[in-house]
């Protein structure tokens, strides 16, 4: 008998969904018949599938419009899931937990590991569990704020002239 694996999903807004991979495969998508239904505009009707093969769990994109990611990298072909892998589907992050995932990685075969002994991969929106040692996220956010401020200042300046009825100035000013 195959031990079921749990698929945990969370999006950037904190919505959560779960499903169980009890048989050979689990289809993730937006369609009503999906095994794990994620209602989101960035999720295709049949986005990806997680399936068993040779004692391992694999993930495969099903021709989705936005692609599937594993640990932030675009998925090309099939990928063997390991402890801590995060599968990106639209705005959702998926984690797989269950007996056998750790043991299969360690021994190359199947095995059983207590569910409580398996650490969960970090979920989005939880900065305490997802530290950014490089600070790259903060730098990108700061850069975005600067660009928005510059655009707002330029637009506000031009809009202010129009609202006041200032005459056009030669040279665009």
C-alpha atoms as a PDB file:
ATOM      1  CA  UNK A   1       0.000   0.000   0.000  1.00  0.00           C
ATOM      2  CA  UNK A   2       1.251   3.475  -0.916  1.00  0.00           C
ATOM      3  CA  UNK A   3       1.386   5.986   1.915  1.00  0.00           C
ATOM      4  CA  UNK A   4      -0.381   9.260   0.992  1.00  0.00           C
ATOM      5  CA  UNK A   5       1.546  12.519   0.732  1.00  0.00           C
ATOM      6  CA  UNK A   6       0.013  15.886   1.605  1.00  0.00           C
ATOM      7  CA  UNK A   7       0.251  18.893  -0.680  1.00  0.00           C
ATOM      8  CA  UNK A   8       0.100  22.210   1.167  1.00  0.00           C
ATOM      9  CA  UNK A   9      -0.509  25.435  -0.759  1.00  0.00           C
ATOM     10  CA  UNK A  10      -0.464  29.100   0.258  1.00  0.00           C
ATOM     11  CA  UNK A  11      -0.687  32.273  -1.793  1.00  0.00           C
ATOM     12  CA  UNK A  12       0.713  35.736  -1.102  1.00  0.00           C
ATOM     13  CA  UNK A  13      -2.554  36.823   0.573  1.00  0.00           C
ATOM     14  CA  UNK A  14      -2.388  33.980   3.104  1.00  0.00           C
ATOM     15  CA  UNK A  15      -5.098  31.807   1.527  1.00  0.00           C
ATOM     16  CA  UNK A  16      -4.375  28.120   2.058  1.00  0.00           C
ATOM     17  CA  UNK A  17      -5.416  24.901   0.388  1.00  0.00           C
ATOM     18  CA  UNK A  18      -4.475  21.261   0.939  1.00  0.00           C
ATOM     19  CA  UNK A  19      -4.896  17.989  -0.866  1.00  0.00           C
ATOM     20  CA  UNK A  20      -3.687  14.434  -0.517  1.00  0.00           C
ATOM     21  CA  UNK A  21      -1.823  12.415  -3.120  1.00  0.00           C
ATOM     22  CA  UNK A  22      -3.252   8.977  -2.409  1.00  0.00           C
ATOM     23  CA  UNK A  23      -3.047   7.419  -5.853  1.00  0.00           C
ATOM     24  CA  UNK A  24      -0.547   7.747  -8.648  1.00  0.00           C
ATOM     25  CA  UNK A  25      -0.993  11.451  -9.478  1.00  0.00           C
ATOM     26  CA  UNK A  26      -2.544  14.734  -8.378  1.00  0.00           C
ATOM     27  CA  UNK A  27      -3.499  17.454 -10.882  1.00  0.00           C
ATOM     28  CA  UNK A  28      -3.184  21.079  -9.757  1.00  0.00           C
ATOM     29  CA  UNK A  29      -5.279  23.666 -11.570  1.00  0.00           C
ATOM     30  CA  UNK A  30      -8.149  26.101 -11.689  1.00  0.00           C
ATOM     31  CA  UNK A  31     -10.677  23.695 -13.244  1.00  0.00           C
ATOM     32  CA  UNK A  32     -13.486  22.366 -11.020  1.00  0.00           C
ATOM     33  CA  UNK A  33     -12.298  18.753 -11.501  1.00  0.00           C
ATOM     34  CA  UNK A  34      -8.720  19.411 -10.328  1.00  0.00           C
ATOM     35  CA  UNK A  35      -7.419  17.341  -7.416  1.00  0.00           C
ATOM     36  CA  UNK A  36      -5.981  20.542  -5.904  1.00  0.00           C
ATOM     37  CA  UNK A  37      -8.083  23.469  -7.104  1.00  0.00           C
ATOM     38  CA  UNK A  38      -6.431  26.895  -6.902  1.00  0.00           C
ATOM     39  CA  UNK A  39      -8.809  29.627  -7.976  1.00  0.00           C
ATOM     40  CA  UNK A  40      -6.488  32.313  -9.294  1.00  0.00           C
ATOM     41  CA  UNK A  41      -6.163  34.134 -12.608  1.00  0.00           C
ATOM     42  CA  UNK A  42      -2.493  33.077 -12.897  1.00  0.00           C
ATOM     43  CA  UNK A  43      -3.303  29.362 -12.562  1.00  0.00           C
ATOM     44  CA  UNK A  44      -4.210  27.416 -15.703  1.00  0.00           C
ATOM     45  CA  UNK A  45      -7.184  25.039 -15.744  1.00  0.00           C
ATOM     46  CA  UNK A  46      -4.734  22.078 -15.761  1.00  0.00           C
ATOM     47  CA  UNK A  47      -1.510  23.705 -14.558  1.00  0.00           C
ATOM     48  CA  UNK A  48       0.777  20.880 -13.356  1.00  0.00           C
ATOM     49  CA  UNK A  49       0.740  17.434 -11.884  1.00  0.00           C
ATOM     50  CA  UNK A  50       2.558  15.806  -8.994  1.00  0.00           C
ATOM     51  CA  UNK A  51       2.976  12.073  -9.448  1.00  0.00           C
ATOM     52  CA  UNK A  52       4.771   8.967  -8.221  1.00  0.00           C
ATOM     53  CA  UNK A  53       7.411   7.224 -10.277  1.00  0.00           C
ATOM     54  CA  UNK A  54       9.907   4.638  -9.061  1.00  0.00           C
ATOM     55  CA  UNK A  55       9.432   5.480  -5.389  1.00  0.00           C
ATOM     56  CA  UNK A  56       9.909   9.234  -5.939  1.00  0.00           C
ATOM     57  CA  UNK A  57       7.539  12.164  -6.262  1.00  0.00           C
ATOM     58  CA  UNK A  58       7.907  14.240  -9.414  1.00  0.00           C
ATOM     59  CA  UNK A  59       6.307  17.446 -10.667  1.00  0.00           C
ATOM     60  CA  UNK A  60       5.569  18.249 -14.308  1.00  0.00           C
ATOM     61  CA  UNK A  61       4.048  21.312 -15.982  1.00  0.00           C
ATOM     62  CA  UNK A  62       1.003  20.535 -18.153  1.00  0.00           C
ATOM     63  CA  UNK A  63       1.504  23.316 -20.707  1.00  0.00           C
ATOM     64  CA  UNK A  64       0.316  26.084 -18.384  1.00  0.00           C
ATOM     65  CA  UNK A  65       0.256  29.675 -19.632  1.00  0.00           C
ATOM     66  CA  UNK A  66       2.474  31.021 -16.823  1.00  0.00           C
ATOM     67  CA  UNK A  67       4.659  27.971 -16.244  1.00  0.00           C
ATOM     68  CA  UNK A  68       5.559  26.133 -13.064  1.00  0.00           C
ATOM     69  CA  UNK A  69       8.565  26.923 -10.866  1.00  0.00           C
ATOM     70  CA  UNK A  70      10.581  24.785  -8.464  1.00  0.00           C
ATOM     71  CA  UNK A  71      12.464  26.787  -5.833  1.00  0.00           C
ATOM     72  CA  UNK A  72      11.985  29.909  -7.948  1.00  0.00           C
ATOM     73  CA  UNK A  73      13.418  28.390 -11.142  1.00  0.00           C
ATOM     74  CA  UNK A  74      11.236  27.725 -14.215  1.00  0.00           C
ATOM     75  CA  UNK A  75      10.436  24.046 -14.574  1.00  0.00           C
ATOM     76  CA  UNK A  76      11.607  22.372 -17.764  1.00  0.00           C
ATOM     77  CA  UNK A  77      10.406  18.805 -18.090  1.00  0.00           C
ATOM     78  CA  UNK A  78       9.998  16.742 -14.942  1.00  0.00           C
ATOM     79  CA  UNK A  79      11.593  17.461 -11.565  1.00  0.00           C
ATOM     80  CA  UNK A  80      12.112  15.034  -8.676  1.00  0.00           C
ATOM     81  CA  UNK A  81      10.800  16.624  -5.485  1.00  0.00           C
ATOM     82  CA  UNK A  82      13.035  16.651  -2.426  1.00  0.00           C
ATOM     83  CA  UNK A  83      12.576  17.817   1.145  1.00  0.00           C
ATOM     84  CA  UNK A  84      12.157  21.591   1.269  1.00  0.00           C
ATOM     85  CA  UNK A  85      11.309  22.076  -2.422  1.00  0.00           C
ATOM     86  CA  UNK A  86       8.719  24.763  -3.089  1.00  0.00           C
ATOM     87  CA  UNK A  87       6.647  24.454  -6.266  1.00  0.00           C
ATOM     88  CA  UNK A  88       5.366  27.778  -7.635  1.00  0.00           C
ATOM     89  CA  UNK A  89       1.999  27.739  -9.407  1.00  0.00           C
ATOM     90  CA  UNK A  90       0.787  31.240 -10.274  1.00  0.00           C
ATOM     91  CA  UNK A  91       0.782  33.211  -7.012  1.00  0.00           C
ATOM     92  CA  UNK A  92       0.728  29.986  -4.957  1.00  0.00           C
ATOM     93  CA  UNK A  93       3.603  28.126  -3.298  1.00  0.00           C
ATOM     94  CA  UNK A  94       3.151  24.383  -2.835  1.00  0.00           C
ATOM     95  CA  UNK A  95       5.021  22.122  -0.433  1.00  0.00           C
ATOM     96  CA  UNK A  96       4.882  18.339  -0.294  1.00  0.00           C
ATOM     97  CA  UNK A  97       5.080  16.509   3.016  1.00  0.00           C
ATOM     98  CA  UNK A  98       4.628  12.903   3.907  1.00  0.00           C
ATOM     99  CA  UNK A  99       6.237   9.619   4.794  1.00  0.00           C
ATOM    100  CA  UNK A 100       8.839   8.445   2.329  1.00  0.00           C
ATOM    101  CA  UNK A 101       9.983  11.797   0.950  1.00  0.00           C
ATOM    102  CA  UNK A 102      13.062  12.036   3.209  1.00  0.00           C
ATOM    103  CA  UNK A 103      13.815   8.328   3.237  1.00  0.00           C
ATOM    104  CA  UNK A 104      13.598   8.061  -0.549  1.00  0.00           C
ATOM    105  CA  UNK A 105      16.092  10.906  -0.879  1.00  0.00           C
ATOM    106  CA  UNK A 106      18.516   9.458   1.664  1.00  0.00           C
ATOM    107  CA  UNK A 107      18.469   5.830   0.551  1.00  0.00           C
ATOM    108  CA  UNK A 108      17.491   6.127  -3.075  1.00  0.00           C
ATOM    109  CA  UNK A 109      14.442   3.952  -2.349  1.00  0.00           C
ATOM    110  CA  UNK A 110      11.194   4.231  -0.504  1.00  0.00           C
ATOM    111  CA  UNK A 111      10.832   4.374   3.230  1.00  0.00           C
ATOM    112  CA  UNK A 112       8.814   5.844   6.028  1.00  0.00           C
ATOM    113  CA  UNK A 113       9.560   8.998   7.979  1.00  0.00           C
ATOM    114  CA  UNK A 114       7.191  10.269  10.663  1.00  0.00           C
ATOM    115  CA  UNK A 115       5.236  13.283   9.453  1.00  0.00           C
ATOM    116  CA  UNK A 116       6.085  15.250  12.609  1.00  0.00           C
ATOM    117  CA  UNK A 117       9.826  14.813  11.944  1.00  0.00           C
ATOM    118  CA  UNK A 118       9.616  16.552   8.575  1.00  0.00           C
ATOM    119  CA  UNK A 119      10.126  20.310   8.638  1.00  0.00           C
ATOM    120  CA  UNK A 120       7.767  22.331   6.485  1.00  0.00           C
ATOM    121  CA  UNK A 121       9.318  24.501   3.786  1.00  0.00           C
ATOM    122  CA  UNK A 122       8.856  28.241   4.265  1.00  0.00           C
ATOM    123  CA  UNK A 123       5.568  29.721   3.104  1.00  0.00           C
ATOM    124  CA  UNK A 124       5.124  33.104   1.420  1.00  0.00           C
ATOM    125  CA  UNK A 125       4.427  36.153   3.537  1.00  0.00           C
ATOM    126  CA  UNK A 126       6.191  34.760   6.600  1.00  0.00           C
ATOM    127  CA  UNK A 127       9.389  36.826   6.930  1.00  0.00           C
ATOM    128  CA  UNK A 128      10.400  35.041  10.131  1.00  0.00           C
ATOM    129  CA  UNK A 129      10.625  31.751   8.202  1.00  0.00           C
ATOM    130  CA  UNK A 130      11.932  33.213   4.943  1.00  0.00           C
ATOM    131  CA  UNK A 131      14.901  35.412   5.779  1.00  0.00           C
ATOM    132  CA  UNK A 132      16.519  37.234   2.871  1.00  0.00           C
ATOM    133  CA  UNK A 133      20.209  37.192   3.774  1.00  0.00           C
ATOM    134  CA  UNK A 134      21.205  39.209   0.707  1.00  0.00           C
ATOM    135  CA  UNK A 135      18.685  41.987   1.295  1.00  0.00           C
ATOM    136  CA  UNK A 136      17.824  41.819  -2.413  1.00  0.00           C
ATOM    137  CA  UNK A 137      14.086  41.980  -1.743  1.00  0.00           C
ATOM    138  CA  UNK A 138      14.471  45.194   0.263  1.00  0.00           C
ATOM    139  CA  UNK A 139      16.660  46.714  -2.453  1.00  0.00           C
ATOM    140  CA  UNK A 140      14.100  45.863  -5.169  1.00  0.00           C
ATOM    141  CA  UNK A 141      11.266  47.334  -3.092  1.00  0.00           C
ATOM    142  CA  UNK A 142      13.261  50.505  -2.426  1.00  0.00           C
ATOM    143  CA  UNK A 143      14.089  50.843  -6.139  1.00  0.00           C
ATOM    144  CA  UNK A 144      10.416  50.412  -7.018  1.00  0.00           C
ATOM    145  CA  UNK A 145       9.422  53.083  -4.486  1.00  0.00           C
ATOM    146  CA  UNK A 146      11.984  55.501  -5.936  1.00  0.00           C
ATOM    147  CA  UNK A 147      10.681  54.919  -9.477  1.00  0.00           C
ATOM    148  CA  UNK A 148       7.076  55.407  -8.357  1.00  0.00           C
ATOM    149  CA  UNK A 149       8.010  58.584  -6.489  1.00  0.00           C
ATOM    150  CA  UNK A 150       9.837  59.981  -9.538  1.00  0.00           C
ATOM    151  CA  UNK A 151       6.930  59.200 -11.857  1.00  0.00           C
ATOM    152  CA  UNK A 152       4.458  60.692  -9.390  1.00  0.00           C
ATOM    153  CA  UNK A 153       6.560  63.824  -9.019  1.00  0.00           C
ATOM    154  CA  UNK A 154       6.908  64.262 -12.791  1.00  0.00           C
ATOM    155  CA  UNK A 155       3.226  63.577 -13.407  1.00  0.00           C
ATOM    156  CA  UNK A 156       2.131  65.767 -10.523  1.00  0.00           C
ATOM    157  CA  UNK A 157       4.272  68.644 -11.772  1.00  0.00           C
ATOM    158  CA  UNK A 158       2.789  68.455 -15.279  1.00  0.00           C
ATOM    159  CA  UNK A 159      -0.749  67.979 -13.936  1.00  0.00           C
ATOM    160  CA  UNK A 160      -0.325  70.964 -11.619  1.00  0.00           C
ATOM    161  CA  UNK A 161       0.604  73.221 -14.547  1.00  0.00           C
ATOM    162  CA  UNK A 162      -2.424  72.047 -16.530  1.00  0.00           C
ATOM    163  CA  UNK A 163      -4.809  72.513 -13.596  1.00  0.00           C
ATOM    164  CA  UNK A 164      -3.505  76.011 -12.861  1.00  0.00           C
ATOM    165  CA  UNK A 165      -3.885  76.950 -16.523  1.00  0.00           C
ATOM    166  CA  UNK A 166      -0.229  77.833 -16.994  1.00  0.00           C
ATOM    167  CA  UNK A 167       0.552  78.548 -20.634  1.00  0.00           C
ATOM    168  CA  UNK A 168       2.710  75.985 -22.414  1.00  0.00           C
ATOM    169  CA  UNK A 169       6.389  76.839 -22.351  1.00  0.00           C
ATOM    170  CA  UNK A 170       8.626  76.388 -25.372  1.00  0.00           C
ATOM    171  CA  UNK A 171      10.785  73.290 -25.051  1.00  0.00           C
ATOM    172  CA  UNK A 172       8.103  71.278 -23.241  1.00  0.00           C
ATOM    173  CA  UNK A 173       8.214  73.147 -19.923  1.00  0.00           C
END
